[in-house]
């Protein structure tokens, strides 16, 4: 494994947010209930905003190298962790080949990925300069709210 830079850390974060946005927009197109459609569209907009924040941070901090010997194990862990973190390449609306769209499964999948995102951002927060950690904390708080809101909406639909 070579040196990591802040650009690498933010590239993963940007990809998480891009794929999340794509997923939420795709779900919004598939659901028929206007309230749920608006909910997923709002989540997509949040992910788009998060992506812009990470792009700005990458532009400002991207050349800072992190791959020192004392961080090598941690960086190897992050690399391994991110292999399963990101919303999959495809839009995940056909979870199993041949099955029709399942809103309940979409909620469960989204909750899982939001929790994964929170963990990733918590892990990398200490790698960014203290001056930038407040932005990461804001995104973590918002991703946590996504989990709560997804859970609440799922329960409302199941009632």
Protein backbone atom coordinates (compact mmCIF):
# COMPACT_ATOMS: atom_id res chain seq x y z
CA UNK A 1 0.00 0.00 0.00
CA UNK A 2 1.35 3.43 -0.91
CA UNK A 3 1.00 6.70 0.88
CA UNK A 4 -2.46 7.95 1.57
CA UNK A 5 -3.30 11.61 1.24
CA UNK A 6 -6.26 13.63 2.36
CA UNK A 7 -7.33 13.47 -1.28
CA UNK A 8 -7.72 9.68 -0.89
CA UNK A 9 -9.81 10.08 2.26
CA UNK A 10 -12.05 12.67 0.62
CA UNK A 11 -12.32 10.68 -2.62
CA UNK A 12 -14.01 7.89 -0.65
CA UNK A 13 -16.27 10.38 1.12
CA UNK A 14 -17.22 11.98 -2.20
CA UNK A 15 -18.00 8.58 -3.68
CA UNK A 16 -20.15 7.67 -0.66
CA UNK A 17 -22.15 10.86 -1.11
CA UNK A 18 -22.43 10.51 -4.93
CA UNK A 19 -23.70 6.95 -4.70
CA UNK A 20 -26.04 7.84 -1.86
CA UNK A 21 -27.48 10.67 -3.91
CA UNK A 22 -27.96 8.37 -6.92
CA UNK A 23 -29.63 5.75 -4.75
CA UNK A 24 -32.02 8.21 -3.11
CA UNK A 25 -32.97 9.80 -6.44
CA UNK A 26 -33.63 6.35 -7.93
CA UNK A 27 -35.81 5.36 -4.96
CA UNK A 28 -37.71 8.65 -5.23
CA UNK A 29 -38.49 7.82 -8.85
CA UNK A 30 -39.74 4.34 -7.94
CA UNK A 31 -42.05 5.13 -5.02
CA UNK A 32 -45.60 6.20 -5.69
CA UNK A 33 -46.49 7.99 -2.45
CA UNK A 34 -45.71 11.74 -2.72
CA UNK A 35 -44.60 12.05 0.92
CA UNK A 36 -42.06 9.26 0.52
CA UNK A 37 -40.93 10.59 -2.85
CA UNK A 38 -40.27 14.03 -1.32
CA UNK A 39 -38.48 12.42 1.63
CA UNK A 40 -36.02 10.56 -0.61
CA UNK A 41 -35.54 13.62 -2.83
CA UNK A 42 -34.61 15.60 0.30
CA UNK A 43 -32.09 12.92 1.30
CA UNK A 44 -30.59 13.10 -2.20
CA UNK A 45 -30.22 16.87 -1.87
CA UNK A 46 -28.47 16.42 1.50
CA UNK A 47 -26.03 13.95 -0.04
CA UNK A 48 -25.35 16.38 -2.89
CA UNK A 49 -24.55 19.12 -0.37
CA UNK A 50 -22.26 16.78 1.60
CA UNK A 51 -20.42 15.92 -1.60
CA UNK A 52 -19.82 19.61 -2.29
CA UNK A 53 -18.39 20.08 1.21
CA UNK A 54 -16.00 17.15 0.76
CA UNK A 55 -14.98 18.40 -2.69
CA UNK A 56 -14.10 21.77 -1.17
CA UNK A 57 -12.17 20.10 1.64
CA UNK A 58 -10.31 17.94 -0.88
CA UNK A 59 -9.37 21.03 -2.89
CA UNK A 60 -8.01 22.72 0.23
CA UNK A 61 -6.35 19.77 1.97
CA UNK A 62 -5.85 17.16 -0.75
CA UNK A 63 -2.06 17.24 -0.86
CA UNK A 64 -1.53 16.52 2.83
CA UNK A 65 0.06 13.06 3.08
CA UNK A 66 -1.00 10.67 5.82
CA UNK A 67 0.90 7.46 5.11
CA UNK A 68 3.50 7.59 7.88
CA UNK A 69 4.69 4.37 9.49
CA UNK A 70 2.67 4.93 12.68
CA UNK A 71 -0.52 5.30 10.63
CA UNK A 72 0.08 2.44 8.20
CA UNK A 73 -2.10 -0.08 10.06
CA UNK A 74 -4.92 2.42 10.45
CA UNK A 75 -4.77 3.34 6.79
CA UNK A 76 -4.78 -0.34 5.79
CA UNK A 77 -7.87 -0.75 7.97
CA UNK A 78 -9.59 2.20 6.27
CA UNK A 79 -8.76 0.82 2.84
CA UNK A 80 -10.19 -2.58 3.74
CA UNK A 81 -13.22 -1.04 5.43
CA UNK A 82 -14.15 1.15 2.49
CA UNK A 83 -14.34 -1.84 0.14
CA UNK A 84 -17.76 -2.67 1.61
CA UNK A 85 -18.85 0.78 2.69
CA UNK A 86 -19.98 2.56 -0.41
CA UNK A 87 -23.46 2.28 -1.90
CA UNK A 88 -22.92 -0.30 -4.62
CA UNK A 89 -22.12 0.78 -8.17
CA UNK A 90 -25.54 -0.15 -9.43
CA UNK A 91 -28.51 1.67 -7.99
CA UNK A 92 -29.45 -1.31 -5.75
CA UNK A 93 -33.11 -1.17 -6.55
CA UNK A 94 -33.16 -4.71 -7.86
CA UNK A 95 -31.68 -6.37 -4.81
CA UNK A 96 -32.10 -9.84 -6.24
CA UNK A 97 -32.32 -10.48 -9.94
CA UNK A 98 -35.89 -10.65 -11.12
CA UNK A 99 -37.51 -9.20 -8.00
CA UNK A 100 -39.64 -6.11 -8.11
CA UNK A 101 -38.81 -2.94 -6.21
CA UNK A 102 -39.28 -3.33 -2.45
CA UNK A 103 -39.55 -0.04 -0.51
CA UNK A 104 -39.01 -1.78 2.84
CA UNK A 105 -35.73 -3.24 1.61
CA UNK A 106 -34.73 0.19 0.26
CA UNK A 107 -35.24 1.68 3.73
CA UNK A 108 -33.23 -1.08 5.41
CA UNK A 109 -30.42 -0.79 2.87
CA UNK A 110 -30.32 3.02 3.24
CA UNK A 111 -30.20 2.78 7.04
CA UNK A 112 -27.31 0.33 6.84
CA UNK A 113 -25.34 2.56 4.46
CA UNK A 114 -25.99 5.70 6.52
CA UNK A 115 -24.67 3.91 9.62
CA UNK A 116 -21.61 2.81 7.62
CA UNK A 117 -21.09 6.41 6.53
CA UNK A 118 -21.22 7.66 10.12
CA UNK A 119 -18.59 5.13 11.12
CA UNK A 120 -16.32 6.07 8.22
CA UNK A 121 -16.56 9.78 8.95
CA UNK A 122 -15.89 9.18 12.64
CA UNK A 123 -12.82 7.12 11.74
CA UNK A 124 -11.34 9.73 9.41
CA UNK A 125 -12.30 12.81 11.43
CA UNK A 126 -9.11 12.64 13.49
CA UNK A 127 -7.04 12.62 10.31
CA UNK A 128 -8.26 16.04 9.19
CA UNK A 129 -6.96 19.25 10.74
CA UNK A 130 -8.79 20.34 13.88
CA UNK A 131 -9.94 23.45 12.04
CA UNK A 132 -11.97 21.26 9.65
CA UNK A 133 -13.37 18.76 12.15
CA UNK A 134 -16.48 20.84 12.85
CA UNK A 135 -17.60 20.30 9.24
CA UNK A 136 -17.12 16.55 9.60
CA UNK A 137 -19.07 16.64 12.87
CA UNK A 138 -21.95 18.45 11.13
CA UNK A 139 -22.07 15.81 8.40
CA UNK A 140 -21.94 13.01 10.99
CA UNK A 141 -24.87 14.61 12.84
CA UNK A 142 -26.82 14.92 9.61
CA UNK A 143 -26.13 11.30 8.64
CA UNK A 144 -27.35 10.24 12.08
CA UNK A 145 -30.54 12.25 11.51
CA UNK A 146 -30.92 10.40 8.21
CA UNK A 147 -30.88 7.11 10.13
CA UNK A 148 -33.54 8.35 12.55
CA UNK A 149 -35.68 9.81 9.76
CA UNK A 150 -35.38 6.68 7.61
CA UNK A 151 -36.38 4.52 10.59
CA UNK A 152 -39.32 6.78 11.42
CA UNK A 153 -40.58 6.88 7.83
CA UNK A 154 -40.22 3.10 7.51
CA UNK A 155 -42.27 2.61 10.69
CA UNK A 156 -44.95 5.01 9.47
CA UNK A 157 -45.28 3.08 6.23
CA UNK A 158 -45.50 -0.23 8.06
CA UNK A 159 -48.23 1.02 10.44
